[in-house]
Amino acid sequence: MDAIVLLRDDHKTVEKLFKQFEKTGDEDTDERRRIADQVVEELTVHAWIEEQIFYPAAREAAPDTTDHILESIEEHHAVVWMLSELKGMDAADERFKAKMSVLMENVRHHVEEEEKEWFPDVRKAMGRNRLTELGERLEAEKPKAPRDPLATPSAGSR
Protein backbone atom coordinates (compact mmCIF):
# COMPACT_ATOMS: atom_id res chain seq x y z
CA MET A 1 0.00 0.00 0.00
CA ASP A 2 1.13 3.53 -0.81
CA ALA A 3 2.45 5.33 2.32
CA ILE A 4 0.26 8.40 1.86
CA VAL A 5 -2.84 6.23 1.33
CA LEU A 6 -1.97 4.33 4.52
CA LEU A 7 -1.56 7.55 6.51
CA ARG A 8 -4.83 8.94 5.12
CA ASP A 9 -6.58 5.70 6.08
CA ASP A 10 -5.26 6.19 9.62
CA HIS A 11 -6.64 9.74 9.56
CA LYS A 12 -10.06 8.41 8.48
CA THR A 13 -10.05 5.76 11.22
CA VAL A 14 -9.38 8.40 13.87
CA GLU A 15 -11.99 10.76 12.43
CA LYS A 16 -14.61 7.98 12.69
CA LEU A 17 -13.66 7.52 16.35
CA PHE A 18 -13.96 11.27 16.92
CA LYS A 19 -17.46 11.26 15.42
CA GLN A 20 -18.43 8.32 17.66
CA PHE A 21 -17.12 10.23 20.68
CA GLU A 22 -19.06 13.36 19.70
CA LYS A 23 -22.29 11.33 19.63
CA THR A 24 -21.88 10.08 23.21
CA GLY A 25 -23.85 11.59 26.05
CA ASP A 26 -22.47 12.71 29.41
CA GLU A 27 -23.77 9.49 30.99
CA ASP A 28 -21.83 7.31 28.49
CA THR A 29 -18.56 7.33 30.41
CA ASP A 30 -17.77 3.68 29.63
CA GLU A 31 -18.26 4.28 25.91
CA ARG A 32 -16.20 7.47 26.06
CA ARG A 33 -13.39 5.59 27.80
CA ARG A 34 -13.48 2.81 25.20
CA ILE A 35 -13.35 5.28 22.31
CA ALA A 36 -10.65 7.39 23.96
CA ASP A 37 -8.51 4.29 24.52
CA GLN A 38 -8.80 3.44 20.81
CA VAL A 39 -7.91 7.02 19.88
CA VAL A 40 -4.86 6.93 22.15
CA GLU A 41 -3.62 3.73 20.54
CA GLU A 42 -4.36 4.75 16.95
CA LEU A 43 -2.73 8.18 17.27
CA THR A 44 0.27 6.89 19.20
CA VAL A 45 1.06 4.26 16.57
CA HIS A 46 0.39 6.74 13.76
CA ALA A 47 2.64 9.43 15.25
CA TRP A 48 5.41 6.91 15.86
CA ILE A 49 5.49 5.53 12.30
CA GLU A 50 5.31 9.04 10.86
CA GLU A 51 8.16 10.32 13.01
CA GLN A 52 10.38 7.25 12.69
CA ILE A 53 9.87 6.43 9.01
CA PHE A 54 7.68 8.74 6.95
CA TYR A 55 8.92 12.19 8.00
CA PRO A 56 12.64 11.40 7.48
CA ALA A 57 11.90 9.90 4.06
CA ALA A 58 9.66 12.83 3.09
CA ARG A 59 12.28 15.33 4.20
CA GLU A 60 14.93 13.60 2.12
CA ALA A 61 12.76 13.30 -0.99
CA ALA A 62 11.12 16.74 -0.75
CA PRO A 63 13.44 19.13 1.16
CA ASP A 64 10.97 21.98 0.60
CA THR A 65 8.61 20.27 3.04
CA THR A 66 11.08 20.51 5.95
CA ASP A 67 9.30 23.44 7.64
CA HIS A 68 5.96 21.62 7.38
CA ILE A 69 7.48 18.46 8.82
CA LEU A 70 9.07 20.31 11.73
CA GLU A 71 5.73 21.97 12.45
CA SER A 72 4.03 18.56 12.29
CA ILE A 73 6.48 17.20 14.86
CA GLU A 74 5.63 20.08 17.18
CA GLU A 75 1.93 19.39 16.67
CA HIS A 76 2.60 15.74 17.53
CA HIS A 77 4.34 16.91 20.71
CA ALA A 78 1.18 18.66 21.90
CA VAL A 79 -1.04 15.76 20.84
CA VAL A 80 0.96 12.98 22.50
CA TRP A 81 1.02 14.84 25.80
CA MET A 82 -2.76 15.24 25.63
CA LEU A 83 -3.04 11.54 24.79
CA SER A 84 -0.92 10.63 27.82
CA GLU A 85 -3.20 12.73 30.04
CA LEU A 86 -6.36 11.22 28.55
CA LYS A 87 -4.94 7.73 29.02
CA GLY A 88 -4.80 8.14 32.77
CA MET A 89 -7.89 10.29 33.20
CA ASP A 90 -11.22 9.10 34.57
CA ALA A 91 -13.85 9.37 31.82
CA ALA A 92 -16.26 10.74 34.44
CA ASP A 93 -13.90 13.67 35.15
CA GLU A 94 -15.59 16.91 34.13
CA ARG A 95 -12.50 17.84 32.06
CA PHE A 96 -12.39 14.55 30.10
CA LYS A 97 -14.77 15.63 27.33
CA ALA A 98 -13.13 19.07 27.10
CA LYS A 99 -9.65 17.56 26.80
CA MET A 100 -10.90 15.19 24.11
CA SER A 101 -12.48 18.13 22.24
CA VAL A 102 -9.21 20.07 22.26
CA LEU A 103 -7.38 16.95 21.09
CA MET A 104 -9.86 16.55 18.21
CA GLU A 105 -9.40 20.19 17.16
CA ASN A 106 -5.62 19.80 17.17
CA VAL A 107 -5.65 16.53 15.25
CA ARG A 108 -8.13 17.79 12.67
CA HIS A 109 -5.98 20.87 12.04
CA HIS A 110 -2.86 18.70 11.74
CA VAL A 111 -4.53 16.27 9.32
CA GLU A 112 -5.80 19.09 7.11
CA GLU A 113 -2.35 20.65 6.87
CA GLU A 114 -0.64 17.34 6.09
CA GLU A 115 -3.14 16.23 3.49
CA LYS A 116 -3.60 19.56 1.71
CA GLU A 117 -0.34 21.44 2.15
CA TRP A 118 2.50 18.97 1.85
CA PHE A 119 1.45 15.39 1.11
CA PRO A 120 0.98 16.36 -2.58
CA ASP A 121 4.60 17.61 -2.74
CA VAL A 122 5.86 14.39 -1.15
CA ARG A 123 3.80 12.30 -3.58
CA LYS A 124 5.27 14.18 -6.53
CA ALA A 125 8.83 13.91 -5.20
CA MET A 126 8.70 10.21 -4.28
CA GLY A 127 6.65 8.58 -7.00
CA ARG A 128 4.54 5.44 -6.84
CA ASN A 129 7.26 2.80 -6.34
CA ARG A 130 8.98 4.62 -3.47
CA LEU A 131 5.64 5.36 -1.78
CA THR A 132 4.61 1.71 -2.08
CA GLU A 133 7.90 0.55 -0.59
CA LEU A 134 7.56 3.10 2.22
CA GLY A 135 3.94 2.06 2.82
CA GLU A 136 5.04 -1.54 3.28
CA ARG A 137 7.60 -0.42 5.87
CA LEU A 138 4.99 1.66 7.72
CA GLU A 139 2.57 -1.28 7.79
CA ALA A 140 5.29 -3.66 9.01
CA GLU A 141 6.28 -1.28 11.83
CA LYS A 142 2.77 -0.66 13.17
CA PRO A 143 2.65 -3.80 15.34
CA LYS A 144 6.07 -2.93 16.78
CA ALA A 145 5.19 0.69 17.57
CA PRO A 146 4.86 1.63 21.24
CA ARG A 147 1.38 2.10 22.70
CA ASP A 148 2.58 4.68 25.22
CA PRO A 149 2.20 8.19 23.76
CA LEU A 150 5.23 9.41 25.69
CA ALA A 151 7.42 6.82 23.89
CA THR A 152 7.13 8.76 20.62
CA PRO A 153 10.18 10.85 19.71
CA SER A 154 8.14 14.07 19.68
CA ALA A 155 7.11 13.58 23.32
CA GLY A 156 10.58 14.45 24.53
CA SER A 157 11.88 17.96 24.62
CA ARG A 158 14.96 18.44 22.52
C-alpha atoms as a PDB file:
ATOM      1  CA  MET A   1       0.000   0.000   0.000  1.00  0.00           C
ATOM      2  CA  ASP A   2       1.129   3.534  -0.809  1.00  0.00           C
ATOM      3  CA  ALA A   3       2.451   5.325   2.318  1.00  0.00           C
ATOM      4  CA  ILE A   4       0.262   8.396   1.856  1.00  0.00           C
ATOM      5  CA  VAL A   5      -2.844   6.235   1.329  1.00  0.00           C
ATOM      6  CA  LEU A   6      -1.973   4.325   4.520  1.00  0.00           C
ATOM      7  CA  LEU A   7      -1.560   7.551   6.508  1.00  0.00           C
ATOM      8  CA  ARG A   8      -4.831   8.944   5.116  1.00  0.00           C
ATOM      9  CA  ASP A   9      -6.578   5.700   6.078  1.00  0.00           C
ATOM     10  CA  ASP A  10      -5.263   6.188   9.617  1.00  0.00           C
ATOM     11  CA  HIS A  11      -6.642   9.738   9.560  1.00  0.00           C
ATOM     12  CA  LYS A  12     -10.064   8.406   8.479  1.00  0.00           C
ATOM     13  CA  THR A  13     -10.051   5.761  11.221  1.00  0.00           C
ATOM     14  CA  VAL A  14      -9.379   8.403  13.868  1.00  0.00           C
ATOM     15  CA  GLU A  15     -11.994  10.762  12.432  1.00  0.00           C
ATOM     16  CA  LYS A  16     -14.612   7.985  12.687  1.00  0.00           C
ATOM     17  CA  LEU A  17     -13.659   7.517  16.349  1.00  0.00           C
ATOM     18  CA  PHE A  18     -13.956  11.274  16.918  1.00  0.00           C
ATOM     19  CA  LYS A  19     -17.456  11.260  15.419  1.00  0.00           C
ATOM     20  CA  GLN A  20     -18.431   8.318  17.659  1.00  0.00           C
ATOM     21  CA  PHE A  21     -17.121  10.228  20.681  1.00  0.00           C
ATOM     22  CA  GLU A  22     -19.056  13.361  19.698  1.00  0.00           C
ATOM     23  CA  LYS A  23     -22.293  11.330  19.628  1.00  0.00           C
ATOM     24  CA  THR A  24     -21.881  10.080  23.206  1.00  0.00           C
ATOM     25  CA  GLY A  25     -23.849  11.587  26.049  1.00  0.00           C
ATOM     26  CA  ASP A  26     -22.473  12.706  29.406  1.00  0.00           C
ATOM     27  CA  GLU A  27     -23.770   9.492  30.989  1.00  0.00           C
ATOM     28  CA  ASP A  28     -21.833   7.315  28.487  1.00  0.00           C
ATOM     29  CA  THR A  29     -18.564   7.334  30.407  1.00  0.00           C
ATOM     30  CA  ASP A  30     -17.765   3.684  29.630  1.00  0.00           C
ATOM     31  CA  GLU A  31     -18.263   4.278  25.911  1.00  0.00           C
ATOM     32  CA  ARG A  32     -16.196   7.475  26.056  1.00  0.00           C
ATOM     33  CA  ARG A  33     -13.394   5.594  27.803  1.00  0.00           C
ATOM     34  CA  ARG A  34     -13.476   2.805  25.201  1.00  0.00           C
ATOM     35  CA  ILE A  35     -13.349   5.275  22.306  1.00  0.00           C
ATOM     36  CA  ALA A  36     -10.649   7.392  23.956  1.00  0.00           C
ATOM     37  CA  ASP A  37      -8.510   4.286  24.517  1.00  0.00           C
ATOM     38  CA  GLN A  38      -8.799   3.437  20.810  1.00  0.00           C
ATOM     39  CA  VAL A  39      -7.914   7.023  19.878  1.00  0.00           C
ATOM     40  CA  VAL A  40      -4.861   6.931  22.146  1.00  0.00           C
ATOM     41  CA  GLU A  41      -3.616   3.725  20.541  1.00  0.00           C
ATOM     42  CA  GLU A  42      -4.357   4.753  16.950  1.00  0.00           C
ATOM     43  CA  LEU A  43      -2.734   8.177  17.266  1.00  0.00           C
ATOM     44  CA  THR A  44       0.271   6.891  19.197  1.00  0.00           C
ATOM     45  CA  VAL A  45       1.059   4.262  16.573  1.00  0.00           C
ATOM     46  CA  HIS A  46       0.393   6.741  13.760  1.00  0.00           C
ATOM     47  CA  ALA A  47       2.644   9.428  15.248  1.00  0.00           C
ATOM     48  CA  TRP A  48       5.409   6.908  15.859  1.00  0.00           C
ATOM     49  CA  ILE A  49       5.490   5.528  12.300  1.00  0.00           C
ATOM     50  CA  GLU A  50       5.312   9.042  10.857  1.00  0.00           C
ATOM     51  CA  GLU A  51       8.162  10.322  13.007  1.00  0.00           C
ATOM     52  CA  GLN A  52      10.376   7.250  12.687  1.00  0.00           C
ATOM     53  CA  ILE A  53       9.873   6.425   9.014  1.00  0.00           C
ATOM     54  CA  PHE A  54       7.684   8.736   6.949  1.00  0.00           C
ATOM     55  CA  TYR A  55       8.924  12.185   8.002  1.00  0.00           C
ATOM     56  CA  PRO A  56      12.638  11.403   7.480  1.00  0.00           C
ATOM     57  CA  ALA A  57      11.903   9.901   4.056  1.00  0.00           C
ATOM     58  CA  ALA A  58       9.663  12.826   3.091  1.00  0.00           C
ATOM     59  CA  ARG A  59      12.281  15.331   4.201  1.00  0.00           C
ATOM     60  CA  GLU A  60      14.931  13.604   2.122  1.00  0.00           C
ATOM     61  CA  ALA A  61      12.755  13.305  -0.992  1.00  0.00           C
ATOM     62  CA  ALA A  62      11.120  16.742  -0.749  1.00  0.00           C
ATOM     63  CA  PRO A  63      13.436  19.127   1.164  1.00  0.00           C
ATOM     64  CA  ASP A  64      10.974  21.984   0.595  1.00  0.00           C
ATOM     65  CA  THR A  65       8.610  20.273   3.041  1.00  0.00           C
ATOM     66  CA  THR A  66      11.080  20.506   5.950  1.00  0.00           C
ATOM     67  CA  ASP A  67       9.304  23.440   7.637  1.00  0.00           C
ATOM     68  CA  HIS A  68       5.956  21.615   7.378  1.00  0.00           C
ATOM     69  CA  ILE A  69       7.482  18.462   8.815  1.00  0.00           C
ATOM     70  CA  LEU A  70       9.074  20.312  11.728  1.00  0.00           C
ATOM     71  CA  GLU A  71       5.725  21.975  12.455  1.00  0.00           C
ATOM     72  CA  SER A  72       4.034  18.561  12.287  1.00  0.00           C
ATOM     73  CA  ILE A  73       6.481  17.196  14.856  1.00  0.00           C
ATOM     74  CA  GLU A  74       5.633  20.079  17.182  1.00  0.00           C
ATOM     75  CA  GLU A  75       1.927  19.388  16.669  1.00  0.00           C
ATOM     76  CA  HIS A  76       2.597  15.738  17.527  1.00  0.00           C
ATOM     77  CA  HIS A  77       4.343  16.911  20.706  1.00  0.00           C
ATOM     78  CA  ALA A  78       1.181  18.659  21.904  1.00  0.00           C
ATOM     79  CA  VAL A  79      -1.045  15.762  20.837  1.00  0.00           C
ATOM     80  CA  VAL A  80       0.961  12.979  22.496  1.00  0.00           C
ATOM     81  CA  TRP A  81       1.020  14.839  25.798  1.00  0.00           C
ATOM     82  CA  MET A  82      -2.761  15.242  25.633  1.00  0.00           C
ATOM     83  CA  LEU A  83      -3.036  11.539  24.789  1.00  0.00           C
ATOM     84  CA  SER A  84      -0.923  10.627  27.821  1.00  0.00           C
ATOM     85  CA  GLU A  85      -3.198  12.730  30.038  1.00  0.00           C
ATOM     86  CA  LEU A  86      -6.359  11.219  28.549  1.00  0.00           C
ATOM     87  CA  LYS A  87      -4.940   7.726  29.016  1.00  0.00           C
ATOM     88  CA  GLY A  88      -4.802   8.136  32.774  1.00  0.00           C
ATOM     89  CA  MET A  89      -7.894  10.294  33.201  1.00  0.00           C
ATOM     90  CA  ASP A  90     -11.220   9.105  34.573  1.00  0.00           C
ATOM     91  CA  ALA A  91     -13.852   9.367  31.823  1.00  0.00           C
ATOM     92  CA  ALA A  92     -16.263  10.742  34.439  1.00  0.00           C
ATOM     93  CA  ASP A  93     -13.904  13.670  35.152  1.00  0.00           C
ATOM     94  CA  GLU A  94     -15.589  16.908  34.126  1.00  0.00           C
ATOM     95  CA  ARG A  95     -12.496  17.839  32.065  1.00  0.00           C
ATOM     96  CA  PHE A  96     -12.387  14.546  30.098  1.00  0.00           C
ATOM     97  CA  LYS A  97     -14.767  15.633  27.328  1.00  0.00           C
ATOM     98  CA  ALA A  98     -13.126  19.072  27.102  1.00  0.00           C
ATOM     99  CA  LYS A  99      -9.651  17.559  26.800  1.00  0.00           C
ATOM    100  CA  MET A 100     -10.898  15.188  24.111  1.00  0.00           C
ATOM    101  CA  SER A 101     -12.477  18.132  22.242  1.00  0.00           C
ATOM    102  CA  VAL A 102      -9.207  20.066  22.262  1.00  0.00           C
ATOM    103  CA  LEU A 103      -7.380  16.947  21.089  1.00  0.00           C
ATOM    104  CA  MET A 104      -9.856  16.547  18.215  1.00  0.00           C
ATOM    105  CA  GLU A 105      -9.398  20.189  17.159  1.00  0.00           C
ATOM    106  CA  ASN A 106      -5.617  19.802  17.169  1.00  0.00           C
ATOM    107  CA  VAL A 107      -5.648  16.530  15.246  1.00  0.00           C
ATOM    108  CA  ARG A 108      -8.135  17.794  12.666  1.00  0.00           C
ATOM    109  CA  HIS A 109      -5.982  20.870  12.042  1.00  0.00           C
ATOM    110  CA  HIS A 110      -2.861  18.700  11.738  1.00  0.00           C
ATOM    111  CA  VAL A 111      -4.529  16.273   9.315  1.00  0.00           C
ATOM    112  CA  GLU A 112      -5.800  19.086   7.110  1.00  0.00           C
ATOM    113  CA  GLU A 113      -2.345  20.647   6.866  1.00  0.00           C
ATOM    114  CA  GLU A 114      -0.643  17.343   6.090  1.00  0.00           C
ATOM    115  CA  GLU A 115      -3.145  16.227   3.492  1.00  0.00           C
ATOM    116  CA  LYS A 116      -3.597  19.557   1.713  1.00  0.00           C
ATOM    117  CA  GLU A 117      -0.344  21.436   2.149  1.00  0.00           C
ATOM    118  CA  TRP A 118       2.502  18.966   1.850  1.00  0.00           C
ATOM    119  CA  PHE A 119       1.448  15.385   1.107  1.00  0.00           C
ATOM    120  CA  PRO A 120       0.980  16.360  -2.581  1.00  0.00           C
ATOM    121  CA  ASP A 121       4.597  17.607  -2.737  1.00  0.00           C
ATOM    122  CA  VAL A 122       5.856  14.392  -1.152  1.00  0.00           C
ATOM    123  CA  ARG A 123       3.798  12.300  -3.579  1.00  0.00           C
ATOM    124  CA  LYS A 124       5.270  14.182  -6.535  1.00  0.00           C
ATOM    125  CA  ALA A 125       8.829  13.910  -5.201  1.00  0.00           C
ATOM    126  CA  MET A 126       8.705  10.207  -4.285  1.00  0.00           C
ATOM    127  CA  GLY A 127       6.651   8.584  -6.999  1.00  0.00           C
ATOM    128  CA  ARG A 128       4.544   5.439  -6.843  1.00  0.00           C
ATOM    129  CA  ASN A 129       7.261   2.803  -6.335  1.00  0.00           C
ATOM    130  CA  ARG A 130       8.984   4.618  -3.465  1.00  0.00           C
ATOM    131  CA  LEU A 131       5.639   5.362  -1.778  1.00  0.00           C
ATOM    132  CA  THR A 132       4.606   1.714  -2.076  1.00  0.00           C
ATOM    133  CA  GLU A 133       7.903   0.547  -0.593  1.00  0.00           C
ATOM    134  CA  LEU A 134       7.559   3.096   2.220  1.00  0.00           C
ATOM    135  CA  GLY A 135       3.942   2.058   2.821  1.00  0.00           C
ATOM    136  CA  GLU A 136       5.041  -1.542   3.281  1.00  0.00           C
ATOM    137  CA  ARG A 137       7.600  -0.418   5.872  1.00  0.00           C
ATOM    138  CA  LEU A 138       4.994   1.656   7.717  1.00  0.00           C
ATOM    139  CA  GLU A 139       2.574  -1.284   7.787  1.00  0.00           C
ATOM    140  CA  ALA A 140       5.289  -3.658   9.014  1.00  0.00           C
ATOM    141  CA  GLU A 141       6.279  -1.282  11.834  1.00  0.00           C
ATOM    142  CA  LYS A 142       2.771  -0.662  13.167  1.00  0.00           C
ATOM    143  CA  PRO A 143       2.645  -3.805  15.343  1.00  0.00           C
ATOM    144  CA  LYS A 144       6.075  -2.934  16.778  1.00  0.00           C
ATOM    145  CA  ALA A 145       5.194   0.689  17.568  1.00  0.00           C
ATOM    146  CA  PRO A 146       4.856   1.632  21.242  1.00  0.00           C
ATOM    147  CA  ARG A 147       1.381   2.096  22.700  1.00  0.00           C
ATOM    148  CA  ASP A 148       2.584   4.679  25.220  1.00  0.00           C
ATOM    149  CA  PRO A 149       2.198   8.189  23.756  1.00  0.00           C
ATOM    150  CA  LEU A 150       5.233   9.407  25.687  1.00  0.00           C
ATOM    151  CA  ALA A 151       7.417   6.819  23.891  1.00  0.00           C
ATOM    152  CA  THR A 152       7.131   8.755  20.616  1.00  0.00           C
ATOM    153  CA  PRO A 153      10.182  10.845  19.714  1.00  0.00           C
ATOM    154  CA  SER A 154       8.143  14.073  19.676  1.00  0.00           C
ATOM    155  CA  ALA A 155       7.105  13.584  23.315  1.00  0.00           C
ATOM    156  CA  GLY A 156      10.582  14.451  24.526  1.00  0.00           C
ATOM    157  CA  SER A 157      11.883  17.963  24.624  1.00  0.00           C
ATOM    158  CA  ARG A 158      14.958  18.440  22.517  1.00  0.00           C
END
